[in-house]
C-alpha atoms as a PDB file:
ATOM      1  CA  MET A   1     -46.561  30.201 -14.114  1.00  0.00           C
ATOM      2  CA  ILE A   2     -47.655  31.527 -10.749  1.00  0.00           C
ATOM      3  CA  CYS A   3     -49.706  29.267  -8.378  1.00  0.00           C
ATOM      4  CA  CYS A   4     -50.936  29.499  -4.888  1.00  0.00           C
ATOM      5  CA  GLY A   5     -52.428  26.813  -2.791  1.00  0.00           C
ATOM      6  CA  SER A   6     -56.184  26.557  -2.742  1.00  0.00           C
ATOM      7  CA  ASN A   7     -56.185  26.388   1.056  1.00  0.00           C
ATOM      8  CA  ASP A   8     -54.832  29.933   1.298  1.00  0.00           C
ATOM      9  CA  ILE A   9     -58.180  31.419   0.138  1.00  0.00           C
ATOM     10  CA  LYS A  10     -61.537  30.662   1.628  1.00  0.00           C
ATOM     11  CA  GLN A  11     -64.880  32.380   2.004  1.00  0.00           C
ATOM     12  CA  MET A  12     -64.819  34.616   5.149  1.00  0.00           C
ATOM     13  CA  ASP A  13     -67.005  37.076   6.979  1.00  0.00           C
ATOM     14  CA  GLU A  14     -66.115  40.472   8.422  1.00  0.00           C
ATOM     15  CA  SER A  15     -66.798  38.992  11.865  1.00  0.00           C
ATOM     16  CA  ASP A  16     -64.289  36.196  11.475  1.00  0.00           C
ATOM     17  CA  GLN A  17     -61.381  38.464  12.644  1.00  0.00           C
ATOM     18  CA  PHE A  18     -58.855  35.883  11.273  1.00  0.00           C
ATOM     19  CA  PRO A  19     -55.132  36.437  12.026  1.00  0.00           C
ATOM     20  CA  GLY A  20     -53.914  39.519  10.298  1.00  0.00           C
ATOM     21  CA  TYR A  21     -57.309  40.921   9.626  1.00  0.00           C
ATOM     22  CA  ASP A  22     -56.308  44.398  11.052  1.00  0.00           C
ATOM     23  CA  LEU A  23     -53.435  44.554   8.572  1.00  0.00           C
ATOM     24  CA  LEU A  24     -55.751  44.466   5.455  1.00  0.00           C
ATOM     25  CA  TYR A  25     -56.461  47.855   3.974  1.00  0.00           C
ATOM     26  CA  GLU A  26     -60.011  46.743   3.100  1.00  0.00           C
ATOM     27  CA  PHE A  27     -62.058  43.508   3.413  1.00  0.00           C
ATOM     28  CA  HIS A  28     -65.462  42.965   1.853  1.00  0.00           C
ATOM     29  CA  SER A  29     -66.956  39.466   2.381  1.00  0.00           C
ATOM     30  CA  ASN A  30     -69.505  40.414  -0.305  1.00  0.00           C
ATOM     31  CA  GLN A  31     -68.959  43.839  -1.938  1.00  0.00           C
ATOM     32  CA  SER A  32     -72.163  43.677  -3.915  1.00  0.00           C
ATOM     33  CA  GLY A  33     -74.371  43.152  -0.831  1.00  0.00           C
ATOM     34  CA  ASP A  34     -76.535  40.663  -2.881  1.00  0.00           C
ATOM     35  CA  PRO A  35     -76.459  37.123  -1.447  1.00  0.00           C
ATOM     36  CA  ASP A  36     -77.194  35.796  -4.973  1.00  0.00           C
ATOM     37  CA  ASN A  37     -74.096  37.624  -6.392  1.00  0.00           C
ATOM     38  CA  VAL A  38     -71.303  37.236  -3.963  1.00  0.00           C
ATOM     39  CA  LEU A  39     -67.928  38.959  -4.523  1.00  0.00           C
ATOM     40  CA  MET A  40     -65.244  38.706  -1.891  1.00  0.00           C
ATOM     41  CA  HIS A  41     -62.725  41.553  -2.354  1.00  0.00           C
ATOM     42  CA  CYS A  42     -59.840  42.574  -0.103  1.00  0.00           C
ATOM     43  CA  LEU A  43     -56.701  44.741  -0.329  1.00  0.00           C
ATOM     44  CA  GLY A  44     -53.455  44.278   1.529  1.00  0.00           C
ATOM     45  CA  HIS A  45     -53.236  40.527   1.876  1.00  0.00           C
ATOM     46  CA  TRP A  46     -49.471  40.714   0.910  1.00  0.00           C
ATOM     47  CA  ARG A  47     -48.979  41.873   4.523  1.00  0.00           C
ATOM     48  CA  ILE A  48     -50.517  38.732   6.129  1.00  0.00           C
ATOM     49  CA  ASN A  49     -49.604  35.830   3.880  1.00  0.00           C
ATOM     50  CA  GLN A  50     -46.103  34.694   2.882  1.00  0.00           C
ATOM     51  CA  LEU A  51     -47.030  33.502  -0.546  1.00  0.00           C
ATOM     52  CA  PHE A  52     -48.817  36.705  -1.405  1.00  0.00           C
ATOM     53  CA  HIS A  53     -46.047  38.757   0.134  1.00  0.00           C
ATOM     54  CA  ASP A  54     -43.455  37.027  -2.081  1.00  0.00           C
ATOM     55  CA  LEU A  55     -45.685  37.348  -5.142  1.00  0.00           C
ATOM     56  CA  VAL A  56     -45.468  41.141  -5.246  1.00  0.00           C
ATOM     57  CA  PHE A  57     -41.764  40.994  -5.395  1.00  0.00           C
ATOM     58  CA  LEU A  58     -41.596  38.193  -7.982  1.00  0.00           C
ATOM     59  CA  PRO A  59     -39.252  39.135 -10.816  1.00  0.00           C
ATOM     60  CA  ASN A  60     -41.484  37.256 -13.354  1.00  0.00           C
ATOM     61  CA  ILE A  61     -43.996  40.077 -13.014  1.00  0.00           C
ATOM     62  CA  ALA A  62     -41.957  42.978 -11.536  1.00  0.00           C
ATOM     63  CA  VAL A  63     -39.258  43.054 -14.251  1.00  0.00           C
ATOM     64  CA  PRO A  64     -41.558  43.069 -17.294  1.00  0.00           C
ATOM     65  CA  SER A  65     -43.670  45.674 -15.546  1.00  0.00           C
ATOM     66  CA  SER A  66     -40.660  48.053 -15.674  1.00  0.00           C
ATOM     67  CA  LYS A  67     -40.638  47.829 -19.508  1.00  0.00           C
ATOM     68  CA  LEU A  68     -44.351  48.165 -19.801  1.00  0.00           C
ATOM     69  CA  LEU A  69     -44.462  51.282 -17.587  1.00  0.00           C
ATOM     70  CA  ASN A  70     -41.835  52.940 -19.870  1.00  0.00           C
ATOM     71  CA  PRO A  71     -40.889  51.034 -23.016  1.00  0.00           C
ATOM     72  CA  THR A  72     -38.003  53.495 -23.783  1.00  0.00           C
ATOM     73  CA  GLU A  73     -36.078  52.887 -20.534  1.00  0.00           C
ATOM     74  CA  ASP A  74     -36.023  50.598 -17.487  1.00  0.00           C
ATOM     75  CA  ARG A  75     -37.913  52.215 -14.627  1.00  0.00           C
ATOM     76  CA  SER A  76     -37.746  51.313 -10.973  1.00  0.00           C
ATOM     77  CA  VAL A  77     -41.087  49.805  -9.841  1.00  0.00           C
ATOM     78  CA  ARG A  78     -42.946  50.159  -6.593  1.00  0.00           C
ATOM     79  CA  LEU A  79     -45.877  48.254  -5.199  1.00  0.00           C
ATOM     80  CA  TRP A  80     -49.084  50.334  -5.164  1.00  0.00           C
ATOM     81  CA  HIS A  81     -51.408  47.775  -3.666  1.00  0.00           C
ATOM     82  CA  ASP A  82     -52.639  44.227  -4.167  1.00  0.00           C
ATOM     83  CA  GLN A  83     -56.185  42.918  -4.413  1.00  0.00           C
ATOM     84  CA  LEU A  84     -57.840  39.519  -4.059  1.00  0.00           C
ATOM     85  CA  PHE A  85     -61.166  38.522  -5.641  1.00  0.00           C
ATOM     86  CA  ALA A  86     -63.169  35.383  -5.009  1.00  0.00           C
ATOM     87  CA  LYS A  87     -66.392  34.317  -6.612  1.00  0.00           C
ATOM     88  CA  PRO A  88     -67.952  31.277  -4.991  1.00  0.00           C
ATOM     89  CA  PRO A  89     -69.686  28.541  -7.200  1.00  0.00           C
ATOM     90  CA  HIS A  90     -73.152  29.046  -8.485  1.00  0.00           C
ATOM     91  CA  HIS A  91     -73.722  32.567  -7.144  1.00  0.00           C
ATOM     92  CA  GLY A  92     -70.412  34.431  -7.699  1.00  0.00           C
ATOM     93  CA  GLY A  93     -70.873  38.088  -8.432  1.00  0.00           C
ATOM     94  CA  VAL A  94     -69.751  40.353 -11.274  1.00  0.00           C
ATOM     95  CA  VAL A  95     -67.036  42.976 -11.364  1.00  0.00           C
ATOM     96  CA  ALA A  96     -68.564  45.895 -13.241  1.00  0.00           C
ATOM     97  CA  TRP A  97     -66.803  47.389 -16.245  1.00  0.00           C
ATOM     98  CA  HIS A  98     -64.299  50.054 -15.134  1.00  0.00           C
ATOM     99  CA  GLN A  99     -60.908  51.681 -15.609  1.00  0.00           C
ATOM    100  CA  ASP A 100     -58.502  51.185 -12.714  1.00  0.00           C
ATOM    101  CA  TYR A 101     -57.106  54.666 -12.694  1.00  0.00           C
ATOM    102  CA  SER A 102     -60.620  56.109 -12.109  1.00  0.00           C
ATOM    103  CA  TYR A 103     -60.131  54.825  -8.557  1.00  0.00           C
ATOM    104  CA  TRP A 104     -56.452  56.023  -8.223  1.00  0.00           C
ATOM    105  CA  THR A 105     -56.524  59.706  -9.159  1.00  0.00           C
ATOM    106  CA  ARG A 106     -55.202  60.448  -5.655  1.00  0.00           C
ATOM    107  CA  THR A 107     -51.822  59.507  -7.089  1.00  0.00           C
ATOM    108  CA  LYS A 108     -49.995  61.067 -10.098  1.00  0.00           C
ATOM    109  CA  PRO A 109     -48.837  61.043 -12.772  1.00  0.00           C
ATOM    110  CA  MET A 110     -50.655  58.133 -14.294  1.00  0.00           C
ATOM    111  CA  MET A 111     -47.759  55.560 -14.423  1.00  0.00           C
ATOM    112  CA  HIS A 112     -49.581  52.578 -13.073  1.00  0.00           C
ATOM    113  CA  LEU A 113     -49.915  49.022 -14.252  1.00  0.00           C
ATOM    114  CA  THR A 114     -52.143  46.149 -13.202  1.00  0.00           C
ATOM    115  CA  VAL A 115     -51.114  42.448 -13.167  1.00  0.00           C
ATOM    116  CA  HIS A 116     -54.100  40.035 -12.973  1.00  0.00           C
ATOM    117  CA  ILE A 117     -53.120  36.438 -11.826  1.00  0.00           C
ATOM    118  CA  ALA A 118     -55.588  33.592 -12.250  1.00  0.00           C
ATOM    119  CA  LEU A 119     -55.692  31.334  -9.143  1.00  0.00           C
ATOM    120  CA  ASP A 120     -58.257  29.159 -10.915  1.00  0.00           C
ATOM    121  CA  GLU A 121     -58.812  28.534 -14.586  1.00  0.00           C
ATOM    122  CA  GLN A 122     -61.075  31.244 -15.956  1.00  0.00           C
ATOM    123  CA  THR A 123     -63.901  30.304 -18.299  1.00  0.00           C
ATOM    124  CA  LEU A 124     -66.924  31.883 -19.796  1.00  0.00           C
ATOM    125  CA  ASP A 125     -69.004  30.029 -17.189  1.00  0.00           C
ATOM    126  CA  ASN A 126     -67.109  30.999 -14.032  1.00  0.00           C
ATOM    127  CA  GLY A 127     -66.589  34.770 -14.718  1.00  0.00           C
ATOM    128  CA  ALA A 128     -63.437  35.118 -16.734  1.00  0.00           C
ATOM    129  CA  LEU A 129     -61.823  38.529 -16.943  1.00  0.00           C
ATOM    130  CA  HIS A 130     -62.754  40.469 -20.111  1.00  0.00           C
ATOM    131  CA  TYR A 131     -61.133  43.448 -21.764  1.00  0.00           C
ATOM    132  CA  VAL A 132     -62.516  46.013 -24.235  1.00  0.00           C
ATOM    133  CA  PRO A 133     -59.839  46.535 -26.931  1.00  0.00           C
ATOM    134  CA  GLY A 134     -58.971  50.119 -27.589  1.00  0.00           C
ATOM    135  CA  SER A 135     -60.625  51.462 -24.452  1.00  0.00           C
ATOM    136  CA  HIS A 136     -57.290  52.549 -22.925  1.00  0.00           C
ATOM    137  CA  LYS A 137     -57.730  55.665 -25.093  1.00  0.00           C
ATOM    138  CA  TRP A 138     -61.155  56.595 -23.615  1.00  0.00           C
ATOM    139  CA  ARG A 139     -61.444  59.653 -21.408  1.00  0.00           C
ATOM    140  CA  LYS A 140     -64.117  62.025 -20.264  1.00  0.00           C
ATOM    141  CA  ASP A 141     -63.066  65.751 -20.442  1.00  0.00           C
ATOM    142  CA  GLY A 142     -59.454  64.583 -20.334  1.00  0.00           C
ATOM    143  CA  GLU A 143     -59.850  62.546 -17.216  1.00  0.00           C
ATOM    144  CA  PRO A 144     -60.476  58.807 -16.634  1.00  0.00           C
ATOM    145  CA  LEU A 145     -64.047  57.675 -17.130  1.00  0.00           C
ATOM    146  CA  PRO A 146     -66.157  58.415 -13.998  1.00  0.00           C
ATOM    147  CA  ILE A 147     -66.780  55.649 -11.455  1.00  0.00           C
ATOM    148  CA  THR A 148     -70.287  54.342 -12.049  1.00  0.00           C
ATOM    149  CA  ASP A 149     -70.541  51.726  -9.371  1.00  0.00           C
ATOM    150  CA  LEU A 150     -68.288  51.722  -6.293  1.00  0.00           C
ATOM    151  CA  ASN A 151     -69.431  48.206  -5.359  1.00  0.00           C
ATOM    152  CA  PHE A 152     -68.931  46.693  -8.861  1.00  0.00           C
ATOM    153  CA  LYS A 153     -72.497  45.346  -8.747  1.00  0.00           C
ATOM    154  CA  ASP A 154     -74.166  46.916 -11.905  1.00  0.00           C
ATOM    155  CA  MET A 155     -72.174  45.272 -14.734  1.00  0.00           C
ATOM    156  CA  GLU A 156     -73.367  47.701 -17.454  1.00  0.00           C
ATOM    157  CA  SER A 157     -73.460  50.986 -15.560  1.00  0.00           C
ATOM    158  CA  ILE A 158     -70.414  52.261 -17.539  1.00  0.00           C
ATOM    159  CA  GLN A 159     -72.701  52.598 -20.539  1.00  0.00           C
ATOM    160  CA  THR A 160     -74.141  55.730 -18.977  1.00  0.00           C
ATOM    161  CA  VAL A 161     -70.895  57.656 -19.438  1.00  0.00           C
ATOM    162  CA  LEU A 162     -69.792  56.374 -22.843  1.00  0.00           C
ATOM    163  CA  THR A 163     -70.168  58.332 -26.089  1.00  0.00           C
ATOM    164  CA  GLU A 164     -72.064  56.731 -28.914  1.00  0.00           C
ATOM    165  CA  GLU A 165     -68.830  56.017 -30.710  1.00  0.00           C
ATOM    166  CA  GLU A 166     -67.505  54.259 -27.591  1.00  0.00           C
ATOM    167  CA  LYS A 167     -70.628  52.214 -27.210  1.00  0.00           C
ATOM    168  CA  ALA A 168     -70.274  51.041 -30.848  1.00  0.00           C
ATOM    169  CA  LEU A 169     -66.665  49.978 -30.182  1.00  0.00           C
ATOM    170  CA  PHE A 170     -67.601  48.193 -26.863  1.00  0.00           C
ATOM    171  CA  LYS A 171     -66.796  44.600 -27.832  1.00  0.00           C
ATOM    172  CA  PRO A 172     -65.402  42.713 -24.845  1.00  0.00           C
ATOM    173  CA  VAL A 173     -62.883  39.918 -25.387  1.00  0.00           C
ATOM    174  CA  PRO A 174     -62.459  37.230 -22.631  1.00  0.00           C
ATOM    175  CA  SER A 175     -58.865  36.552 -21.455  1.00  0.00           C
ATOM    176  CA  LEU A 176     -59.581  32.886 -20.556  1.00  0.00           C
ATOM    177  CA  LEU A 177     -56.448  32.631 -18.308  1.00  0.00           C
ATOM    178  CA  LYS A 178     -55.305  29.238 -17.138  1.00  0.00           C
ATOM    179  CA  LYS A 179     -54.476  28.763 -13.494  1.00  0.00           C
ATOM    180  CA  GLY A 180     -51.200  30.452 -12.768  1.00  0.00           C
ATOM    181  CA  GLU A 181     -51.262  32.660 -15.866  1.00  0.00           C
ATOM    182  CA  ALA A 182     -51.131  36.410 -15.681  1.00  0.00           C
ATOM    183  CA  SER A 183     -52.246  39.283 -17.836  1.00  0.00           C
ATOM    184  CA  PHE A 184     -50.900  42.916 -17.689  1.00  0.00           C
ATOM    185  CA  HIS A 185     -53.110  45.865 -18.520  1.00  0.00           C
ATOM    186  CA  HIS A 186     -53.080  49.674 -18.866  1.00  0.00           C
ATOM    187  CA  PRO A 187     -54.638  51.727 -16.064  1.00  0.00           C
ATOM    188  CA  LEU A 188     -57.279  53.019 -18.484  1.00  0.00           C
ATOM    189  CA  MET A 189     -58.183  49.692 -20.060  1.00  0.00           C
ATOM    190  CA  VAL A 190     -61.835  49.030 -19.561  1.00  0.00           C
ATOM    191  CA  HIS A 191     -62.252  45.512 -18.058  1.00  0.00           C
ATOM    192  CA  GLY A 192     -64.662  43.550 -15.984  1.00  0.00           C
ATOM    193  CA  SER A 193     -65.965  40.016 -15.360  1.00  0.00           C
ATOM    194  CA  TYR A 194     -69.308  38.368 -15.298  1.00  0.00           C
ATOM    195  CA  GLY A 195     -70.770  36.179 -12.514  1.00  0.00           C
ATOM    196  CA  ASN A 196     -69.698  32.637 -11.683  1.00  0.00           C
ATOM    197  CA  ARG A 197     -72.468  30.155 -12.380  1.00  0.00           C
ATOM    198  CA  SER A 198     -70.184  27.177 -12.497  1.00  0.00           C
ATOM    199  CA  GLU A 199     -69.761  24.497  -9.848  1.00  0.00           C
ATOM    200  CA  PHE A 200     -66.224  25.636  -8.984  1.00  0.00           C
ATOM    201  CA  PRO A 201     -64.789  28.806  -7.338  1.00  0.00           C
ATOM    202  CA  ARG A 202     -63.196  31.458  -9.402  1.00  0.00           C
ATOM    203  CA  ARG A 203     -60.435  33.325  -7.662  1.00  0.00           C
ATOM    204  CA  ALA A 204     -57.807  35.800  -8.717  1.00  0.00           C
ATOM    205  CA  CYS A 205     -54.981  37.910  -7.253  1.00  0.00           C
ATOM    206  CA  VAL A 206     -54.181  41.400  -8.536  1.00  0.00           C
ATOM    207  CA  VAL A 207     -50.887  43.193  -8.170  1.00  0.00           C
ATOM    208  CA  ASN A 208     -50.874  46.928  -8.919  1.00  0.00           C
ATOM    209  CA  TYR A 209     -47.502  48.641  -9.567  1.00  0.00           C
ATOM    210  CA  VAL A 210     -46.419  52.209 -10.073  1.00  0.00           C
ATOM    211  CA  ALA A 211     -43.283  53.698 -11.503  1.00  0.00           C
ATOM    212  CA  ASP A 212     -40.921  54.981  -8.826  1.00  0.00           C
ATOM    213  CA  GLY A 213     -41.595  58.725  -8.522  1.00  0.00           C
ATOM    214  CA  VAL A 214     -45.389  58.620  -8.611  1.00  0.00           C
ATOM    215  CA  ILE A 215     -46.628  61.038  -5.929  1.00  0.00           C
ATOM    216  CA  SER A 216     -49.542  61.489  -3.600  1.00  0.00           C
ATOM    217  CA  ASP A 217     -52.129  64.032  -4.781  1.00  0.00           C
ATOM    218  CA  SER A 218     -54.016  64.039  -1.432  1.00  0.00           C
ATOM    219  CA  ASN A 219     -53.490  64.977   2.137  1.00  0.00           C
ATOM    220  CA  ASP A 220     -55.787  62.083   3.254  1.00  0.00           C
ATOM    221  CA  PRO A 221     -54.559  58.490   3.510  1.00  0.00           C
ATOM    222  CA  ILE A 222     -54.251  57.113  -0.058  1.00  0.00           C
ATOM    223  CA  LEU A 223     -54.821  53.640   1.377  1.00  0.00           C
ATOM    224  CA  GLN A 224     -57.051  52.914   4.327  1.00  0.00           C
ATOM    225  CA  LYS A 225     -55.159  52.216   7.597  1.00  0.00           C
ATOM    226  CA  THR A 226     -51.959  53.695   6.348  1.00  0.00           C
ATOM    227  CA  PRO A 227     -50.216  56.968   7.245  1.00  0.00           C
ATOM    228  CA  VAL A 228     -50.805  60.073   5.152  1.00  0.00           C
ATOM    229  CA  VAL A 229     -48.319  60.551   2.330  1.00  0.00           C
ATOM    230  CA  PRO A 230     -48.415  64.395   2.119  1.00  0.00           C
ATOM    231  CA  LYS A 231     -49.548  65.829  -1.174  1.00  0.00           C
ATOM    232  CA  GLY A 232     -46.644  66.163  -3.544  1.00  0.00           C
ATOM    233  CA  GLU A 233     -44.453  63.557  -1.840  1.00  0.00           C
ATOM    234  CA  LYS A 234     -43.514  60.383  -3.639  1.00  0.00           C
ATOM    235  CA  LEU A 235     -44.778  56.995  -2.662  1.00  0.00           C
ATOM    236  CA  SER A 236     -42.091  55.116  -0.730  1.00  0.00           C
ATOM    237  CA  GLY A 237     -41.346  53.236   2.484  1.00  0.00           C
ATOM    238  CA  GLN A 238     -42.847  50.151   3.999  1.00  0.00           C
ATOM    239  CA  PHE A 239     -46.297  50.430   2.368  1.00  0.00           C
ATOM    240  CA  TYR A 240     -45.051  51.133  -1.094  1.00  0.00           C
ATOM    241  CA  PRO A 241     -41.852  49.095  -1.321  1.00  0.00           C
ATOM    242  CA  LEU A 242     -39.405  49.017  -4.310  1.00  0.00           C
ATOM    243  CA  VAL A 243     -39.975  45.707  -6.080  1.00  0.00           C
ATOM    244  CA  TYR A 244     -37.549  46.233  -8.861  1.00  0.00           C
ATOM    245  CA  ASP A 245     -34.634  48.511  -9.648  1.00  0.00           C
ATOM    246  CA  PRO A 246     -32.671  48.159 -12.947  1.00  0.00           C
ATOM    247  CA  SER A 247     -29.434  48.551 -11.039  1.00  0.00           C
ATOM    248  CA  TRP A 248     -29.992  45.226  -9.272  1.00  0.00           C
ATOM    249  CA  ALA A 249     -29.504  43.433 -12.589  1.00  0.00           C
ATOM    250  CA  THR A 250     -25.837  44.666 -12.784  1.00  0.00           C
ATOM    251  CA  ALA A 251     -25.084  44.653  -9.046  1.00  0.00           C
ATOM    252  CA  LYS A 252     -22.214  42.348  -8.070  1.00  0.00           C
END
């Protein structure tokens, strides 16, 4: 079980300039822009909070991620980036259906894995994470499904890029995670979450990993506020640290 204190997350505004704000890669106090559907979303909080820093290195998630990235052999694992989502009571926003790798094609090959950690119990009322079984096989012209809503606001926008067969198979299943539980999912698994209409907040932390050896496919920064990783060079260094190496298990 993985838990974080409730006082570590609170509703903030871009103007707050809280300690460590400049270290975040991104911060959106309400990514939807709709005051009736509020979604706080940030990247890079592992750099400003000790609990979230230690979480990305936690063996409980880093070690099984090695096997999930490559079931036939242990792989060294690096941090890609983390995310934090918060939906306030009564008017928490949605996270529209999407595939994670649609946002990550600036890195290759596709050897990525997402760990979603519930910081509050997730229910049907508060916007639990949902998965679409079998959707990790869905592609468009050999590529991930196109991004249909950069701000996650239009829950069903993905329907515009699905085939009739995919639409017929689109049957979401709620994860219903308890506080401290985690789910692991494939980078092409379609997932999303509905709004929070309960009287309690719904918060979650996401840790995204890559197999060691994944490279940059861009000459622009692959994360905001970070140095360029030249196209063709592997992710490494302080922004993409090694979180698990199989040799550590046998080191004396």
